[in-house]
Protein backbone atom coordinates (compact mmCIF):
# COMPACT_ATOMS: atom_id res chain seq x y z
CA UNK A 1 117.15 113.03 101.56
CA UNK A 2 119.98 113.14 104.25
CA UNK A 3 118.39 113.15 107.91
CA UNK A 4 120.02 114.73 110.77
CA UNK A 5 122.20 112.17 112.33
CA UNK A 6 120.85 111.81 115.89
CA UNK A 7 123.71 109.51 116.89
CA UNK A 8 126.08 112.50 116.74
CA UNK A 9 126.26 115.08 119.32
CA UNK A 10 125.66 117.89 116.87
CA UNK A 11 122.49 116.33 115.40
CA UNK A 12 121.16 115.40 118.62
CA UNK A 13 121.80 118.90 119.98
CA UNK A 14 120.30 120.55 116.90
CA UNK A 15 117.11 118.61 117.42
CA UNK A 16 117.07 119.39 121.06
CA UNK A 17 117.31 123.10 120.41
CA UNK A 18 114.53 122.94 118.04
CA UNK A 19 112.27 121.24 120.68
CA UNK A 20 113.32 123.79 123.37
CA UNK A 21 111.92 126.59 121.07
CA UNK A 22 108.50 125.08 121.57
CA UNK A 23 106.22 126.41 124.24
CA UNK A 24 102.80 125.23 125.42
CA UNK A 25 101.36 127.99 123.23
CA UNK A 26 103.08 126.86 119.96
CA UNK A 27 100.43 126.59 117.29
CA UNK A 28 100.30 123.84 114.67
CA UNK A 29 100.44 124.60 111.00
CA UNK A 30 98.50 121.58 110.15
CA UNK A 31 97.18 118.51 111.72
CA UNK A 32 94.83 118.06 114.76
CA UNK A 33 97.34 117.58 117.55
CA UNK A 34 98.24 120.34 119.88
CA UNK A 35 101.82 120.82 120.94
CA UNK A 36 101.79 118.59 124.08
CA UNK A 37 100.06 115.79 122.26
CA UNK A 38 102.40 116.01 119.34
CA UNK A 39 105.44 115.65 121.82
CA UNK A 40 103.72 112.54 123.49
CA UNK A 41 103.04 111.29 119.88
CA UNK A 42 106.73 111.48 119.19
CA UNK A 43 107.58 109.71 122.51
CA UNK A 44 105.70 106.73 121.28
CA UNK A 45 108.49 105.97 118.89
CA UNK A 46 110.99 105.87 121.72
CA UNK A 47 108.52 103.87 123.95
CA UNK A 48 108.62 101.14 121.15
CA UNK A 49 112.43 100.96 121.47
CA UNK A 50 112.82 101.41 125.32
CA UNK A 51 109.54 100.53 127.16
CA UNK A 52 107.80 97.38 127.01
CA UNK A 53 104.20 99.14 126.88
CA UNK A 54 102.87 98.50 123.50
CA UNK A 55 101.95 95.03 122.08
CA UNK A 56 104.21 93.78 119.13
CA UNK A 57 102.27 92.97 116.10
CA UNK A 58 102.17 89.37 115.20
CA UNK A 59 102.19 87.15 112.24
CA UNK A 60 100.16 88.51 109.45
CA UNK A 61 99.67 92.14 110.92
CA UNK A 62 103.53 92.41 111.14
CA UNK A 63 103.88 91.16 107.42
CA UNK A 64 101.52 93.79 106.38
CA UNK A 65 103.19 96.51 108.31
CA UNK A 66 106.68 95.54 106.78
CA UNK A 67 105.20 95.19 103.43
CA UNK A 68 103.26 98.68 103.34
CA UNK A 69 104.59 100.84 105.96
CA UNK A 70 108.44 100.17 106.38
CA UNK A 71 109.29 101.84 103.18
CA UNK A 72 107.42 105.03 104.16
CA UNK A 73 109.07 105.06 107.64
CA UNK A 74 112.59 104.16 107.13
CA UNK A 75 112.85 105.41 103.49
CA UNK A 76 114.22 108.71 102.40
CA UNK A 77 111.21 110.68 101.31
CA UNK A 78 109.64 113.06 104.04
CA UNK A 79 106.30 112.35 105.49
CA UNK A 80 103.26 113.85 103.71
CA UNK A 81 101.03 116.13 105.91
CA UNK A 82 98.08 114.72 107.52
CA UNK A 83 99.02 111.01 106.93
CA UNK A 84 97.24 108.44 108.84
CA UNK A 85 99.41 106.95 111.79
CA UNK A 86 98.98 103.53 113.62
CA UNK A 87 96.59 103.32 116.54
CA UNK A 88 99.17 103.31 119.34
CA UNK A 89 100.55 106.70 117.92
CA UNK A 90 96.86 108.42 118.28
CA UNK A 91 97.25 110.74 121.22
CA UNK A 92 93.98 111.76 122.86
CA UNK A 93 93.35 113.91 125.77
CA UNK A 94 95.49 116.63 127.37
CA UNK A 95 99.17 116.01 128.01
CA UNK A 96 101.60 117.68 130.21
CA UNK A 97 103.70 119.82 127.76
CA UNK A 98 106.69 120.04 130.25
CA UNK A 99 106.62 116.34 131.09
CA UNK A 100 106.32 115.29 127.53
CA UNK A 101 109.13 117.63 126.30
CA UNK A 102 111.43 116.39 129.15
CA UNK A 103 110.91 112.69 128.44
CA UNK A 104 111.42 113.39 124.51
CA UNK A 105 114.76 115.26 125.24
CA UNK A 106 115.73 112.19 127.52
CA UNK A 107 115.00 109.67 124.83
CA UNK A 108 117.06 111.73 122.16
CA UNK A 109 120.13 111.91 124.54
CA UNK A 110 119.71 108.22 125.58
CA UNK A 111 119.68 107.33 121.66
CA UNK A 112 122.83 109.25 121.23
CA UNK A 113 124.83 107.94 124.04
CA UNK A 114 123.85 104.24 123.03
CA UNK A 115 125.08 105.32 119.45
CA UNK A 116 124.69 104.09 116.03
CA UNK A 117 126.56 100.80 116.60
CA UNK A 118 124.00 99.62 119.39
CA UNK A 119 121.09 100.13 116.88
CA UNK A 120 122.82 98.44 113.90
CA UNK A 121 120.88 95.30 113.26
CA UNK A 122 118.57 95.57 116.04
CA UNK A 123 115.08 94.39 115.75
CA UNK A 124 112.36 97.03 115.63
CA UNK A 125 108.89 96.74 117.23
CA UNK A 126 107.16 96.00 113.78
CA UNK A 127 109.67 96.25 110.82
CA UNK A 128 112.35 93.41 111.86
CA UNK A 129 116.08 94.15 112.13
CA UNK A 130 117.05 97.73 110.99
CA UNK A 131 120.25 99.12 109.82
CA UNK A 132 121.82 101.85 111.91
CA UNK A 133 120.70 104.19 108.86
CA UNK A 134 117.35 103.01 108.83
CA UNK A 135 117.05 103.65 112.60
CA UNK A 136 118.36 107.07 112.38
CA UNK A 137 115.95 107.73 109.44
CA UNK A 138 113.10 106.45 111.54
CA UNK A 139 113.90 108.74 114.45
CA UNK A 140 115.01 111.80 112.44
CA UNK A 141 112.38 112.02 110.01
CA UNK A 142 109.47 111.59 112.37
CA UNK A 143 111.04 114.30 114.64
CA UNK A 144 111.68 116.68 111.71
CA UNK A 145 108.19 116.10 110.42
CA UNK A 146 106.55 117.16 113.66
CA UNK A 147 108.79 119.85 114.51
CA UNK A 148 108.00 121.47 111.09
CA UNK A 149 104.19 120.87 111.74
CA UNK A 150 104.91 123.37 114.63
CA UNK A 151 107.00 125.65 112.79
CA UNK A 152 110.39 124.82 114.17
């Protein structure tokens, strides 16, 4: 599957336009999160890249994540509905829709501005060094999965 290239202006803008169609009242098609929680969940992906607020997995845990999760996360196949997520991605409690939306759009824009070459070979939080294609898949596939979850 070819995922939207978020390193290019057109791909980033298309994704932001999808996000901008969401409202606090947008209902999910599947899953448990409400729309504000989903945006906060998506922000965790970028927090792992830009903010040092989540502990890195070590040794055996990192090995197991790379062995079992890396292919699912950076591989070409779309995510299945209702797949389990890592604990740091579990969002409980209410979130501020507008704040989470604004933060997510800012992360997408920052990623586009830094560009593919910035990410090529960059180490990820749990998967080791990733190519620019793997980074784009990681970002784009996750965004697409959850935007479809809310019908956009």
